[in-house]
């Protein structure tokens, strides 16, 4: 059983090292600037990427940073009202070919927003439409058929959590910002 986990760790190591770190650093910088200018960061995804986006938003909000989740399906049914000029919108899609995501991006291109893509396909429709594309090289999903969103969603979570931590560091957030948003639980007790 340990061999399975060792294989997945190698997969994660390979994928993270395939990321364009200069582009990631620019993403962090632009994210910090978005927040400094009074705008928010929006994460949008479908299916198994929904809880990944929600975790990202939860981490941002714990730090007192403006963020929200936009379900890619619900966006076209009125939820796009959350997107304001100057916001950063992050689209998560493994293939970069998801029909709903392509439609959403087309609509977002009519707005003055800073769009970023987190994907695993460098030759997709969305990597052509979104110049700010973080593309990870994924060897295998880690399931029996190499199809289930398993390693890809875990990597999306790792990258987005890295984005949160680096933005917080860039903004030099004091622990007081975190403390006032975490009065309860074991964390609240530890911070008292």
Protein backbone atom coordinates (compact mmCIF):
# COMPACT_ATOMS: atom_id res chain seq x y z
CA UNK A 1 0.00 0.00 0.00
CA UNK A 2 2.86 2.40 0.76
CA UNK A 3 3.97 2.04 -2.86
CA UNK A 4 0.70 3.62 -4.04
CA UNK A 5 1.32 6.75 -1.95
CA UNK A 6 4.94 6.92 -3.03
CA UNK A 7 3.83 6.86 -6.67
CA UNK A 8 1.36 9.70 -6.05
CA UNK A 9 4.01 11.79 -4.27
CA UNK A 10 6.27 11.37 -7.31
CA UNK A 11 3.35 12.46 -9.49
CA UNK A 12 2.82 15.59 -7.39
CA UNK A 13 6.54 16.37 -7.36
CA UNK A 14 6.75 16.05 -11.14
CA UNK A 15 3.63 18.19 -11.75
CA UNK A 16 4.71 20.98 -9.37
CA UNK A 17 8.18 21.09 -10.94
CA UNK A 18 6.57 21.37 -14.38
CA UNK A 19 4.91 24.66 -13.39
CA UNK A 20 6.28 27.93 -14.80
CA UNK A 21 7.46 29.52 -11.53
CA UNK A 22 7.98 32.98 -13.05
CA UNK A 23 4.35 32.93 -14.17
CA UNK A 24 3.27 31.72 -10.72
CA UNK A 25 5.20 34.61 -9.12
CA UNK A 26 3.41 37.06 -11.43
CA UNK A 27 0.10 35.45 -10.44
CA UNK A 28 0.93 36.05 -6.77
CA UNK A 29 1.93 39.67 -7.47
CA UNK A 30 -1.21 40.41 -9.50
CA UNK A 31 -3.37 38.70 -6.87
CA UNK A 32 -1.88 40.88 -4.13
CA UNK A 33 -2.36 44.00 -6.29
CA UNK A 34 -5.98 43.03 -7.00
CA UNK A 35 -6.69 42.90 -3.27
CA UNK A 36 -4.71 46.08 -2.48
CA UNK A 37 -6.82 47.91 -5.06
CA UNK A 38 -10.04 46.89 -3.28
CA UNK A 39 -11.07 44.11 -5.65
CA UNK A 40 -11.57 40.39 -5.03
CA UNK A 41 -10.34 37.04 -6.29
CA UNK A 42 -12.97 34.68 -7.68
CA UNK A 43 -12.41 30.94 -8.18
CA UNK A 44 -14.64 29.14 -10.67
CA UNK A 45 -14.94 25.44 -11.37
CA UNK A 46 -17.25 22.47 -11.88
CA UNK A 47 -17.62 18.97 -10.48
CA UNK A 48 -14.79 17.81 -8.23
CA UNK A 49 -13.12 21.24 -8.53
CA UNK A 50 -16.00 22.84 -6.60
CA UNK A 51 -14.71 21.83 -3.13
CA UNK A 52 -11.19 22.82 -4.23
CA UNK A 53 -12.45 26.33 -5.07
CA UNK A 54 -14.39 26.46 -1.79
CA UNK A 55 -11.27 25.53 0.20
CA UNK A 56 -9.31 28.29 -1.56
CA UNK A 57 -12.05 30.82 -0.77
CA UNK A 58 -12.25 29.62 2.84
CA UNK A 59 -8.50 30.08 3.31
CA UNK A 60 -8.64 33.56 1.78
CA UNK A 61 -11.55 34.58 4.00
CA UNK A 62 -9.82 33.20 7.12
CA UNK A 63 -7.05 35.69 6.39
CA UNK A 64 -9.56 38.51 5.84
CA UNK A 65 -8.93 38.59 2.09
CA UNK A 66 -11.76 39.22 -0.38
CA UNK A 67 -12.61 36.05 -2.30
CA UNK A 68 -15.65 34.15 -3.50
CA UNK A 69 -16.63 31.04 -5.43
CA UNK A 70 -18.47 31.20 -8.75
CA UNK A 71 -19.97 27.90 -9.90
CA UNK A 72 -19.31 27.71 -13.64
CA UNK A 73 -22.85 26.42 -14.30
CA UNK A 74 -24.64 28.95 -12.10
CA UNK A 75 -22.62 31.85 -13.49
CA UNK A 76 -24.71 32.14 -16.64
CA UNK A 77 -27.94 32.04 -14.61
CA UNK A 78 -27.33 35.32 -12.80
CA UNK A 79 -24.37 34.56 -10.53
CA UNK A 80 -22.02 36.52 -12.82
CA UNK A 81 -23.27 39.56 -10.92
CA UNK A 82 -20.56 38.79 -8.36
CA UNK A 83 -17.87 39.62 -10.96
CA UNK A 84 -16.90 43.29 -10.84
CA UNK A 85 -14.45 45.34 -12.88
CA UNK A 86 -10.90 44.86 -11.61
CA UNK A 87 -11.52 41.44 -10.06
CA UNK A 88 -9.27 38.44 -10.70
CA UNK A 89 -11.12 35.34 -11.93
CA UNK A 90 -9.41 31.94 -11.73
CA UNK A 91 -10.87 29.18 -13.93
CA UNK A 92 -10.15 25.55 -13.01
CA UNK A 93 -10.54 22.93 -15.74
CA UNK A 94 -8.37 19.86 -16.27
CA UNK A 95 -8.91 19.62 -20.02
CA UNK A 96 -9.37 23.28 -20.88
CA UNK A 97 -12.16 22.03 -23.13
CA UNK A 98 -15.11 22.02 -20.73
CA UNK A 99 -18.00 23.51 -22.68
CA UNK A 100 -19.40 25.49 -19.72
CA UNK A 101 -15.98 26.96 -18.91
CA UNK A 102 -15.40 28.01 -22.52
CA UNK A 103 -18.79 29.76 -22.57
CA UNK A 104 -18.09 31.50 -19.24
CA UNK A 105 -14.68 32.70 -20.42
CA UNK A 106 -16.23 34.12 -23.58
CA UNK A 107 -18.65 36.12 -21.42
CA UNK A 108 -15.91 37.22 -19.00
CA UNK A 109 -13.81 38.53 -21.89
CA UNK A 110 -16.46 41.25 -22.28
CA UNK A 111 -15.66 42.47 -18.74
CA UNK A 112 -12.59 44.24 -17.42
CA UNK A 113 -11.27 41.37 -15.28
CA UNK A 114 -7.89 39.68 -14.89
CA UNK A 115 -8.45 36.05 -15.92
CA UNK A 116 -6.20 33.14 -14.97
CA UNK A 117 -6.47 29.49 -15.93
CA UNK A 118 -5.31 26.47 -13.92
CA UNK A 119 -5.23 23.44 -16.22
CA UNK A 120 -3.33 20.35 -17.37
CA UNK A 121 -3.62 20.78 -21.14
CA UNK A 122 -1.23 23.24 -22.80
CA UNK A 123 -2.94 22.95 -26.20
CA UNK A 124 -6.54 23.51 -25.14
CA UNK A 125 -9.17 25.98 -26.31
CA UNK A 126 -8.89 27.86 -23.00
CA UNK A 127 -5.08 28.10 -23.00
CA UNK A 128 -5.50 29.82 -26.38
CA UNK A 129 -8.13 32.21 -24.97
CA UNK A 130 -6.45 32.97 -21.60
CA UNK A 131 -2.81 34.12 -21.85
CA UNK A 132 -2.36 33.72 -18.07
CA UNK A 133 -2.42 29.92 -18.04
CA UNK A 134 -0.80 27.88 -15.29
CA UNK A 135 -0.35 24.47 -16.94
CA UNK A 136 0.75 21.44 -14.95
CA UNK A 137 2.08 18.26 -16.54
CA UNK A 138 0.15 15.31 -15.15
CA UNK A 139 1.42 11.79 -15.83
CA UNK A 140 -1.43 9.90 -14.20
CA UNK A 141 -4.60 10.47 -12.17
CA UNK A 142 -3.73 7.67 -9.75
CA UNK A 143 -6.86 5.61 -10.36
CA UNK A 144 -7.19 2.28 -12.21
CA UNK A 145 -8.22 3.91 -15.51
CA UNK A 146 -6.27 7.22 -15.44
CA UNK A 147 -9.51 9.14 -15.82
CA UNK A 148 -10.99 9.96 -12.39
CA UNK A 149 -10.26 13.51 -11.15
CA UNK A 150 -7.97 12.41 -8.33
CA UNK A 151 -4.40 13.69 -8.65
CA UNK A 152 -5.50 16.66 -10.77
CA UNK A 153 -7.86 18.00 -8.08
CA UNK A 154 -5.27 17.40 -5.37
CA UNK A 155 -2.73 19.37 -7.42
CA UNK A 156 -5.25 22.17 -7.99
CA UNK A 157 -5.69 22.36 -4.22
CA UNK A 158 -1.93 22.42 -3.61
CA UNK A 159 -1.39 25.19 -6.18
CA UNK A 160 -4.31 27.34 -4.96
CA UNK A 161 -3.27 26.96 -1.32
CA UNK A 162 0.24 27.97 -2.38
CA UNK A 163 -1.27 31.02 -4.05
CA UNK A 164 -3.10 31.99 -0.83
CA UNK A 165 0.02 31.58 1.32
CA UNK A 166 2.24 33.55 -1.07
CA UNK A 167 -0.32 36.37 -1.42
CA UNK A 168 -0.62 36.58 2.38
CA UNK A 169 3.17 36.71 2.66
CA UNK A 170 3.43 39.37 -0.07
CA UNK A 171 0.83 41.50 1.72
CA UNK A 172 2.68 40.91 5.02
CA UNK A 173 -0.57 40.11 6.79
CA UNK A 174 -0.27 40.32 10.57
CA UNK A 175 -1.46 37.38 12.65
CA UNK A 176 -4.08 39.71 14.17
CA UNK A 177 -6.00 39.57 10.86
CA UNK A 178 -6.12 35.79 11.13
CA UNK A 179 -6.86 35.85 14.89
CA UNK A 180 -9.95 38.08 14.62
CA UNK A 181 -11.44 35.73 11.99
CA UNK A 182 -10.74 32.60 14.09
CA UNK A 183 -12.15 33.17 17.58
CA UNK A 184 -13.40 29.58 18.02
CA UNK A 185 -12.12 26.05 18.01
CA UNK A 186 -8.63 24.76 18.69
CA UNK A 187 -7.11 27.46 16.47
CA UNK A 188 -8.96 30.24 18.31
CA UNK A 189 -7.83 28.79 21.64
CA UNK A 190 -4.21 28.59 20.44
CA UNK A 191 -4.28 32.20 19.23
CA UNK A 192 -5.71 33.58 22.51
